[in-house]
Amino acid sequence: MPLRPEQAREVGEYLRAAGPGHPWEGVRIASAWGSRDVLGAVLIRPELVA
């Protein structure tokens, strides 16, 4: 279930962009299983887990 806009803003305050060497750097993320459509992902530092 997607976050409501106010929830997304609150969580977003804790996210920080990943620097070089992120374990998923260069990984292509499909929009659905078996799909060739690729999502534009923004990698973050893995310090916050929800």
C-alpha atoms as a PDB file:
ATOM      1  CA  MET A   1       0.000   0.000   0.000  1.00  0.00           C
ATOM      2  CA  PRO A   2       1.486   3.389  -0.949  1.00  0.00           C
ATOM      3  CA  LEU A   3       2.194   5.964   1.733  1.00  0.00           C
ATOM      4  CA  ARG A   4      -0.029   9.003   2.010  1.00  0.00           C
ATOM      5  CA  PRO A   5       1.769  12.214   0.926  1.00  0.00           C
ATOM      6  CA  GLU A   6       2.290  13.410   4.506  1.00  0.00           C
ATOM      7  CA  GLN A   7       3.726  10.009   5.487  1.00  0.00           C
ATOM      8  CA  ALA A   8       6.068  10.027   2.476  1.00  0.00           C
ATOM      9  CA  ARG A   9       7.359  13.490   3.435  1.00  0.00           C
ATOM     10  CA  GLU A  10       7.951  12.382   7.017  1.00  0.00           C
ATOM     11  CA  VAL A  11       9.870   9.251   6.001  1.00  0.00           C
ATOM     12  CA  GLY A  12      11.736  11.154   3.272  1.00  0.00           C
ATOM     13  CA  GLU A  13      13.337  13.395   5.899  1.00  0.00           C
ATOM     14  CA  TYR A  14      15.341  10.377   7.108  1.00  0.00           C
ATOM     15  CA  LEU A  15      16.572   9.151   3.705  1.00  0.00           C
ATOM     16  CA  ARG A  16      20.030  10.014   2.394  1.00  0.00           C
ATOM     17  CA  ALA A  17      21.345   9.399  -1.116  1.00  0.00           C
ATOM     18  CA  ALA A  18      23.795   6.518  -1.456  1.00  0.00           C
ATOM     19  CA  GLY A  19      27.381   7.290  -2.273  1.00  0.00           C
ATOM     20  CA  PRO A  20      29.668   5.380  -4.610  1.00  0.00           C
ATOM     21  CA  GLY A  21      29.977   1.661  -3.925  1.00  0.00           C
ATOM     22  CA  HIS A  22      26.333   0.974  -3.033  1.00  0.00           C
ATOM     23  CA  PRO A  23      25.751  -2.804  -3.392  1.00  0.00           C
ATOM     24  CA  TRP A  24      22.948  -2.259  -5.932  1.00  0.00           C
ATOM     25  CA  GLU A  25      24.829   0.297  -8.034  1.00  0.00           C
ATOM     26  CA  GLY A  26      24.222  -0.499 -11.716  1.00  0.00           C
ATOM     27  CA  VAL A  27      21.378  -2.965 -11.013  1.00  0.00           C
ATOM     28  CA  ARG A  28      18.403  -2.582 -13.343  1.00  0.00           C
ATOM     29  CA  ILE A  29      15.067  -2.924 -11.541  1.00  0.00           C
ATOM     30  CA  ALA A  30      12.137  -4.204 -13.623  1.00  0.00           C
ATOM     31  CA  SER A  31       8.693  -2.676 -13.163  1.00  0.00           C
ATOM     32  CA  ALA A  32       7.154  -6.179 -12.923  1.00  0.00           C
ATOM     33  CA  TRP A  33       8.309  -9.807 -13.008  1.00  0.00           C
ATOM     34  CA  GLY A  34       9.385 -10.659 -16.548  1.00  0.00           C
ATOM     35  CA  SER A  35       8.961  -7.079 -17.737  1.00  0.00           C
ATOM     36  CA  ARG A  36      11.571  -5.315 -19.844  1.00  0.00           C
ATOM     37  CA  ASP A  37      10.418  -1.932 -18.525  1.00  0.00           C
ATOM     38  CA  VAL A  38      12.990  -0.586 -16.093  1.00  0.00           C
ATOM     39  CA  LEU A  39      12.254   1.718 -13.180  1.00  0.00           C
ATOM     40  CA  GLY A  40      14.389   4.729 -12.410  1.00  0.00           C
ATOM     41  CA  ALA A  41      15.493   3.867  -8.879  1.00  0.00           C
ATOM     42  CA  VAL A  42      17.144   6.279  -6.456  1.00  0.00           C
ATOM     43  CA  LEU A  43      19.570   4.396  -4.237  1.00  0.00           C
ATOM     44  CA  ILE A  44      19.705   5.413  -0.605  1.00  0.00           C
ATOM     45  CA  ARG A  45      22.007   4.639   2.290  1.00  0.00           C
ATOM     46  CA  PRO A  46      20.621   1.481   3.947  1.00  0.00           C
ATOM     47  CA  GLU A  47      20.314   2.951   7.446  1.00  0.00           C
ATOM     48  CA  LEU A  48      16.520   3.158   7.705  1.00  0.00           C
ATOM     49  CA  VAL A  49      14.409   0.017   7.421  1.00  0.00           C
ATOM     50  CA  ALA A  50      10.638   0.056   7.494  1.00  0.00           C
END
